[in-house]
Amino acid sequence: MSQPGSDGGFALRQLVDELGAQLRAGAERLGDLPQETGERMARELGLVTRAEWDALELRLAQVEHRLKLLERTKPPSL
C-alpha cells in the first residue's frame, strides 16, 4: 500500500475525482434527453411505464375478483 501523501495515493485520488465528475456529467446529460429518447431506452432495457404497470395491476385485481366469485358459486361436487 502507498504511504499517505505519496504519488500513488495522489494519482488514485485524481482518478476517483475524475470518475466522479464523469458520472455526474453523464447523469446530467441523461436528464437533457428528449422524453421519447428516454422512453425508447426504457423499452430497449425491457422496462415498463407507470401507466402500463397500473393497467396490469388493475387487470390482475379484476382476475382475482372474478376467481373469488367463481370459487363462491362453485357447484356441489358429485
Protein backbone atom coordinates (compact mmCIF):
# COMPACT_ATOMS: atom_id res chain seq x y z
CA MET A 1 0.00 0.00 0.00
CA SER A 2 1.14 3.52 -0.60
CA GLN A 3 2.05 5.90 2.17
CA PRO A 4 -0.22 8.87 2.84
CA GLY A 5 0.99 11.74 0.75
CA SER A 6 2.80 9.52 -1.76
CA ASP A 7 2.45 9.99 -5.51
CA GLY A 8 0.42 6.75 -5.83
CA GLY A 9 -2.19 7.98 -3.38
CA PHE A 10 -2.41 11.32 -5.16
CA ALA A 11 -2.86 9.65 -8.55
CA LEU A 12 -5.56 7.39 -7.15
CA ARG A 13 -7.37 10.37 -5.64
CA GLN A 14 -7.22 12.19 -9.01
CA LEU A 15 -8.66 9.13 -10.76
CA VAL A 16 -11.53 8.90 -8.28
CA ASP A 17 -12.26 12.61 -8.65
CA GLU A 18 -12.25 12.34 -12.46
CA LEU A 19 -14.58 9.33 -12.43
CA GLY A 20 -16.97 11.13 -10.09
CA ALA A 21 -17.02 14.17 -12.38
CA GLN A 22 -17.67 11.99 -15.44
CA LEU A 23 -20.53 10.18 -13.70
CA ARG A 24 -22.14 13.46 -12.66
CA ALA A 25 -21.79 14.86 -16.19
CA GLY A 26 -23.33 11.67 -17.63
CA ALA A 27 -26.27 11.84 -15.25
CA GLU A 28 -26.87 15.48 -16.17
CA ARG A 29 -26.85 14.60 -19.88
CA LEU A 30 -29.43 11.86 -19.29
CA GLY A 31 -31.75 14.50 -17.85
CA ASP A 32 -31.35 16.55 -21.03
CA LEU A 33 -32.51 13.74 -23.32
CA PRO A 34 -35.89 14.23 -25.00
CA GLN A 35 -38.80 12.31 -23.49
CA GLU A 36 -39.13 9.87 -26.40
CA THR A 37 -35.43 9.01 -26.29
CA GLY A 38 -35.74 8.10 -22.63
CA GLU A 39 -38.84 6.04 -23.35
CA ARG A 40 -37.07 4.24 -26.20
CA MET A 41 -34.12 3.44 -23.94
CA ALA A 42 -36.50 2.11 -21.29
CA ARG A 43 -38.18 -0.12 -23.91
CA GLU A 44 -34.82 -1.49 -25.04
CA LEU A 45 -33.99 -2.31 -21.42
CA GLY A 46 -37.31 -4.11 -21.03
CA LEU A 47 -38.77 -1.62 -18.56
CA VAL A 48 -42.48 -0.76 -18.36
CA THR A 49 -44.10 2.62 -17.90
CA ARG A 50 -46.09 3.57 -14.80
CA ALA A 51 -49.29 3.55 -16.87
CA GLU A 52 -48.58 0.01 -18.12
CA TRP A 53 -47.82 -1.16 -14.56
CA ASP A 54 -51.04 0.40 -13.24
CA ALA A 55 -53.07 -1.20 -16.05
CA LEU A 56 -51.54 -4.58 -15.26
CA GLU A 57 -52.30 -4.19 -11.55
CA LEU A 58 -55.92 -3.36 -12.38
CA ARG A 59 -56.28 -6.38 -14.67
CA LEU A 60 -54.77 -8.65 -12.03
CA ALA A 61 -57.19 -7.33 -9.39
CA GLN A 62 -60.10 -7.95 -11.78
CA VAL A 63 -58.99 -11.54 -12.43
CA GLU A 64 -58.56 -12.17 -8.68
CA HIS A 65 -62.05 -10.78 -8.02
CA ARG A 66 -63.58 -12.98 -10.72
CA LEU A 67 -61.78 -16.02 -9.35
CA LYS A 68 -63.16 -15.36 -5.86
CA LEU A 69 -66.68 -15.06 -7.32
CA LEU A 70 -66.25 -18.37 -9.14
CA GLU A 71 -64.96 -20.08 -6.01
CA ARG A 72 -68.01 -18.92 -4.04
CA THR A 73 -70.51 -20.14 -6.64
CA LYS A 74 -68.84 -23.49 -7.17
CA PRO A 75 -71.46 -26.22 -7.88
CA PRO A 76 -71.62 -29.08 -5.38
CA SER A 77 -69.30 -31.93 -6.27
CA LEU A 78 -70.81 -35.24 -7.29
